[in-house]
Amino acid sequence: GFQGREKRAIIFDSVRSNYDSEIGFLADYRRMNVALTRASSKLIVIADSATSSSDRFWGALWEYVGVSGSGSGGGEEAASRSVYELPPAGGW
């Protein structure tokens, strides 16, 4: 692992997918801050938005990139995209 060091690209796999929306360690926002802010050029997040969208942080992230955990909103174009560039071109 990268242990909190900055890297040019980071692939983050949340490894959480269940019907109860239990996200485990993903609810630790300090860990998520470290994991998701250390990419200097590219961040790739692999996650089940249906499982994680009930969480305030993850729900806001999916809303920001145009993916809905419930299957509504964002449209087919957004749901079919596999790569979202973060930070966005205009910055946060």
N, C-alpha and C. Protein backbone atom coordinates (compact mmCIF):
# COMPACT_ATOMS: atom_id res chain seq x y z
N GLY A 1 0.81 -1.18 0.00
CA GLY A 1 0.00 0.00 0.00
C GLY A 1 0.86 1.26 0.00
N PHE A 2 0.21 2.35 -0.19
CA PHE A 2 0.92 3.63 -0.27
C PHE A 2 1.11 4.26 1.09
N GLN A 3 0.43 3.78 2.12
CA GLN A 3 0.61 4.24 3.50
C GLN A 3 0.56 5.77 3.65
N GLY A 4 -0.33 6.41 2.95
CA GLY A 4 -0.53 7.84 3.12
C GLY A 4 0.40 8.73 2.31
N ARG A 5 1.33 8.15 1.57
CA ARG A 5 2.22 8.97 0.72
C ARG A 5 1.48 9.37 -0.54
N GLU A 6 1.86 10.50 -1.10
CA GLU A 6 1.26 10.93 -2.36
C GLU A 6 1.79 10.07 -3.50
N LYS A 7 0.91 9.68 -4.40
CA LYS A 7 1.26 8.92 -5.59
C LYS A 7 0.60 9.58 -6.79
N ARG A 8 1.17 9.38 -7.94
CA ARG A 8 0.63 9.97 -9.16
C ARG A 8 -0.79 9.46 -9.44
N ALA A 9 -1.00 8.17 -9.29
CA ALA A 9 -2.32 7.58 -9.50
C ALA A 9 -2.62 6.60 -8.38
N ILE A 10 -3.88 6.56 -7.97
CA ILE A 10 -4.30 5.63 -6.93
C ILE A 10 -5.58 4.95 -7.40
N ILE A 11 -5.62 3.63 -7.22
CA ILE A 11 -6.82 2.85 -7.46
C ILE A 11 -7.33 2.43 -6.09
N PHE A 12 -8.54 2.84 -5.75
CA PHE A 12 -9.13 2.54 -4.45
C PHE A 12 -10.29 1.60 -4.66
N ASP A 13 -10.20 0.39 -4.11
CA ASP A 13 -11.28 -0.60 -4.19
C ASP A 13 -11.92 -0.71 -2.82
N SER A 14 -13.18 -0.34 -2.72
CA SER A 14 -13.84 -0.29 -1.41
C SER A 14 -14.18 -1.68 -0.86
N VAL A 15 -14.22 -2.68 -1.66
CA VAL A 15 -14.51 -4.07 -1.29
C VAL A 15 -15.76 -4.24 -0.44
N ARG A 16 -16.72 -3.36 -0.54
CA ARG A 16 -17.96 -3.46 0.20
C ARG A 16 -19.13 -3.54 -0.77
N SER A 17 -19.91 -4.62 -0.66
CA SER A 17 -21.10 -4.77 -1.47
C SER A 17 -22.05 -5.71 -0.73
N ASN A 18 -23.18 -5.16 -0.27
CA ASN A 18 -24.15 -5.99 0.45
C ASN A 18 -25.51 -5.30 0.41
N TYR A 19 -26.54 -6.06 0.74
CA TYR A 19 -27.91 -5.53 0.71
C TYR A 19 -28.25 -4.69 1.94
N ASP A 20 -27.43 -4.77 2.99
CA ASP A 20 -27.71 -4.04 4.23
C ASP A 20 -27.06 -2.66 4.28
N SER A 21 -26.34 -2.27 3.24
CA SER A 21 -25.63 -0.99 3.16
C SER A 21 -24.63 -0.82 4.31
N GLU A 22 -24.02 -1.91 4.73
CA GLU A 22 -22.99 -1.86 5.76
C GLU A 22 -21.65 -1.58 5.09
N ILE A 23 -21.01 -0.47 5.48
CA ILE A 23 -19.80 -0.07 4.77
C ILE A 23 -18.52 -0.24 5.60
N GLY A 24 -18.63 -0.66 6.83
CA GLY A 24 -17.46 -0.96 7.64
C GLY A 24 -16.47 0.20 7.72
N PHE A 25 -15.21 -0.08 7.40
CA PHE A 25 -14.14 0.92 7.51
C PHE A 25 -14.34 2.13 6.61
N LEU A 26 -15.20 2.02 5.62
CA LEU A 26 -15.45 3.17 4.74
C LEU A 26 -16.12 4.32 5.49
N ALA A 27 -16.69 4.03 6.66
CA ALA A 27 -17.33 5.07 7.47
C ALA A 27 -16.31 5.87 8.29
N ASP A 28 -15.06 5.45 8.27
CA ASP A 28 -14.00 6.19 8.98
C ASP A 28 -13.49 7.28 8.04
N TYR A 29 -14.00 8.48 8.22
CA TYR A 29 -13.70 9.57 7.29
C TYR A 29 -12.23 9.98 7.31
N ARG A 30 -11.55 9.76 8.40
CA ARG A 30 -10.11 10.06 8.44
C ARG A 30 -9.36 9.16 7.48
N ARG A 31 -9.71 7.88 7.48
CA ARG A 31 -9.08 6.94 6.53
C ARG A 31 -9.42 7.31 5.09
N MET A 32 -10.68 7.67 4.87
CA MET A 32 -11.09 8.01 3.51
C MET A 32 -10.39 9.29 3.04
N ASN A 33 -10.20 10.23 3.94
CA ASN A 33 -9.47 11.45 3.59
C ASN A 33 -8.07 11.10 3.11
N VAL A 34 -7.39 10.25 3.83
CA VAL A 34 -6.03 9.85 3.43
C VAL A 34 -6.07 9.08 2.11
N ALA A 35 -6.98 8.14 2.00
CA ALA A 35 -7.02 7.29 0.80
C ALA A 35 -7.37 8.07 -0.47
N LEU A 36 -8.30 9.02 -0.35
CA LEU A 36 -8.82 9.67 -1.55
C LEU A 36 -8.15 10.99 -1.89
N THR A 37 -7.27 11.48 -1.06
CA THR A 37 -6.63 12.77 -1.35
C THR A 37 -5.14 12.66 -1.65
N ARG A 38 -4.62 11.47 -1.80
CA ARG A 38 -3.18 11.31 -2.02
C ARG A 38 -2.80 11.11 -3.49
N ALA A 39 -3.77 11.10 -4.38
CA ALA A 39 -3.48 10.97 -5.81
C ALA A 39 -3.19 12.34 -6.39
N SER A 40 -2.03 12.50 -7.01
CA SER A 40 -1.68 13.81 -7.57
C SER A 40 -2.27 14.01 -8.97
N SER A 41 -2.54 12.92 -9.70
CA SER A 41 -3.07 13.06 -11.06
C SER A 41 -4.37 12.31 -11.30
N LYS A 42 -4.45 11.06 -10.87
CA LYS A 42 -5.63 10.24 -11.16
C LYS A 42 -6.06 9.47 -9.92
N LEU A 43 -7.36 9.44 -9.69
CA LEU A 43 -7.96 8.64 -8.63
C LEU A 43 -9.03 7.78 -9.26
N ILE A 44 -8.91 6.49 -9.08
CA ILE A 44 -9.92 5.56 -9.58
C ILE A 44 -10.54 4.90 -8.37
N VAL A 45 -11.87 5.03 -8.25
CA VAL A 45 -12.59 4.44 -7.13
C VAL A 45 -13.47 3.32 -7.67
N ILE A 46 -13.27 2.13 -7.13
CA ILE A 46 -14.10 0.97 -7.48
C ILE A 46 -14.99 0.71 -6.28
N ALA A 47 -16.30 0.84 -6.48
CA ALA A 47 -17.21 0.72 -5.34
C ALA A 47 -18.60 0.36 -5.82
N ASP A 48 -19.38 -0.17 -4.92
CA ASP A 48 -20.79 -0.44 -5.16
C ASP A 48 -21.57 0.76 -4.63
N SER A 49 -22.03 1.61 -5.52
CA SER A 49 -22.71 2.84 -5.08
C SER A 49 -24.02 2.51 -4.37
N ALA A 50 -24.65 1.40 -4.69
CA ALA A 50 -25.89 1.03 -4.01
C ALA A 50 -25.62 0.72 -2.54
N THR A 51 -24.49 0.11 -2.23
CA THR A 51 -24.14 -0.20 -0.84
C THR A 51 -23.71 1.05 -0.09
N SER A 52 -22.90 1.88 -0.70
CA SER A 52 -22.28 3.00 0.02
C SER A 52 -23.07 4.29 0.00
N SER A 53 -24.06 4.43 -0.86
CA SER A 53 -24.74 5.73 -1.01
C SER A 53 -25.56 6.15 0.20
N SER A 54 -25.89 5.23 1.10
CA SER A 54 -26.64 5.62 2.29
C SER A 54 -25.78 6.39 3.29
N ASP A 55 -24.47 6.32 3.14
CA ASP A 55 -23.55 7.08 3.98
C ASP A 55 -23.46 8.51 3.48
N ARG A 56 -23.41 9.47 4.40
CA ARG A 56 -23.39 10.90 4.04
C ARG A 56 -22.24 11.24 3.11
N PHE A 57 -21.02 10.83 3.44
CA PHE A 57 -19.83 11.14 2.63
C PHE A 57 -19.91 10.48 1.26
N TRP A 58 -20.14 9.18 1.26
CA TRP A 58 -20.16 8.45 -0.02
C TRP A 58 -21.33 8.87 -0.89
N GLY A 59 -22.48 9.13 -0.27
CA GLY A 59 -23.63 9.60 -1.03
C GLY A 59 -23.33 10.92 -1.73
N ALA A 60 -22.64 11.82 -1.02
CA ALA A 60 -22.26 13.11 -1.61
C ALA A 60 -21.26 12.92 -2.74
N LEU A 61 -20.33 11.98 -2.58
CA LEU A 61 -19.36 11.71 -3.66
C LEU A 61 -20.06 11.20 -4.90
N TRP A 62 -20.98 10.24 -4.73
CA TRP A 62 -21.69 9.69 -5.89
C TRP A 62 -22.57 10.75 -6.55
N GLU A 63 -23.18 11.59 -5.73
CA GLU A 63 -23.99 12.68 -6.30
C GLU A 63 -23.10 13.63 -7.11
N TYR A 64 -21.92 13.93 -6.57
CA TYR A 64 -20.99 14.84 -7.23
C TYR A 64 -20.57 14.32 -8.61
N VAL A 65 -20.30 13.02 -8.70
CA VAL A 65 -19.85 12.47 -9.99
C VAL A 65 -21.01 12.01 -10.86
N GLY A 66 -22.25 12.14 -10.35
CA GLY A 66 -23.41 11.84 -11.18
C GLY A 66 -23.83 10.39 -11.18
N VAL A 67 -23.52 9.66 -10.10
CA VAL A 67 -23.93 8.26 -9.99
C VAL A 67 -24.90 8.15 -8.84
N SER A 68 -26.00 7.46 -9.06
CA SER A 68 -26.99 7.29 -8.00
C SER A 68 -26.99 5.86 -7.51
N GLY A 69 -27.00 5.67 -6.22
CA GLY A 69 -27.04 4.33 -5.65
C GLY A 69 -28.37 3.66 -5.83
N SER A 70 -29.42 4.43 -6.01
CA SER A 70 -30.76 3.85 -6.12
C SER A 70 -31.13 3.51 -7.56
N GLY A 71 -30.29 3.89 -8.48
CA GLY A 71 -30.59 3.64 -9.89
C GLY A 71 -31.32 4.77 -10.56
N SER A 72 -31.64 5.84 -9.82
CA SER A 72 -32.30 7.00 -10.42
C SER A 72 -31.34 8.18 -10.41
N GLY A 73 -31.52 9.09 -11.31
CA GLY A 73 -30.65 10.26 -11.37
C GLY A 73 -29.34 9.93 -12.05
N GLY A 74 -28.65 10.91 -12.53
CA GLY A 74 -27.37 10.68 -13.18
C GLY A 74 -27.49 10.21 -14.61
N GLY A 75 -28.57 9.52 -14.93
CA GLY A 75 -28.81 9.06 -16.28
C GLY A 75 -27.90 7.93 -16.71
N GLU A 76 -28.23 7.33 -17.84
CA GLU A 76 -27.45 6.20 -18.34
C GLU A 76 -26.03 6.60 -18.69
N GLU A 77 -25.86 7.80 -19.22
CA GLU A 77 -24.52 8.25 -19.62
C GLU A 77 -23.59 8.28 -18.41
N ALA A 78 -24.05 8.82 -17.30
CA ALA A 78 -23.22 8.90 -16.11
C ALA A 78 -22.97 7.52 -15.53
N ALA A 79 -24.00 6.68 -15.50
CA ALA A 79 -23.86 5.34 -14.93
C ALA A 79 -22.95 4.46 -15.77
N SER A 80 -22.87 4.70 -17.06
CA SER A 80 -22.04 3.86 -17.91
C SER A 80 -20.59 4.30 -17.94
N ARG A 81 -20.30 5.51 -17.45
CA ARG A 81 -18.92 5.96 -17.41
C ARG A 81 -18.16 5.14 -16.39
N SER A 82 -16.95 4.77 -16.72
CA SER A 82 -16.18 3.95 -15.79
C SER A 82 -15.05 4.74 -15.14
N VAL A 83 -14.75 5.92 -15.65
CA VAL A 83 -13.64 6.70 -15.11
C VAL A 83 -14.13 8.13 -14.87
N TYR A 84 -13.92 8.61 -13.67
CA TYR A 84 -14.22 9.98 -13.32
C TYR A 84 -12.93 10.64 -12.90
N GLU A 85 -12.55 11.70 -13.53
CA GLU A 85 -11.30 12.35 -13.23
C GLU A 85 -11.47 13.28 -12.02
N LEU A 86 -10.67 13.04 -11.01
CA LEU A 86 -10.70 13.86 -9.80
C LEU A 86 -9.30 14.38 -9.52
N PRO A 87 -9.11 15.59 -9.17
CA PRO A 87 -10.15 16.60 -9.05
C PRO A 87 -10.66 17.03 -10.42
N PRO A 88 -11.87 17.55 -10.49
CA PRO A 88 -12.40 17.99 -11.78
C PRO A 88 -11.58 19.12 -12.38
N ALA A 89 -11.71 19.29 -13.66
CA ALA A 89 -10.91 20.27 -14.39
C ALA A 89 -10.99 21.67 -13.75
N GLY A 90 -12.14 22.06 -13.26
CA GLY A 90 -12.31 23.38 -12.65
C GLY A 90 -11.90 23.43 -11.19
N GLY A 91 -11.43 22.30 -10.64
CA GLY A 91 -11.07 22.24 -9.24
C GLY A 91 -12.26 21.96 -8.35
N TRP A 92 -12.02 21.81 -7.09
CA TRP A 92 -13.10 21.53 -6.15
C TRP A 92 -13.81 22.80 -5.88
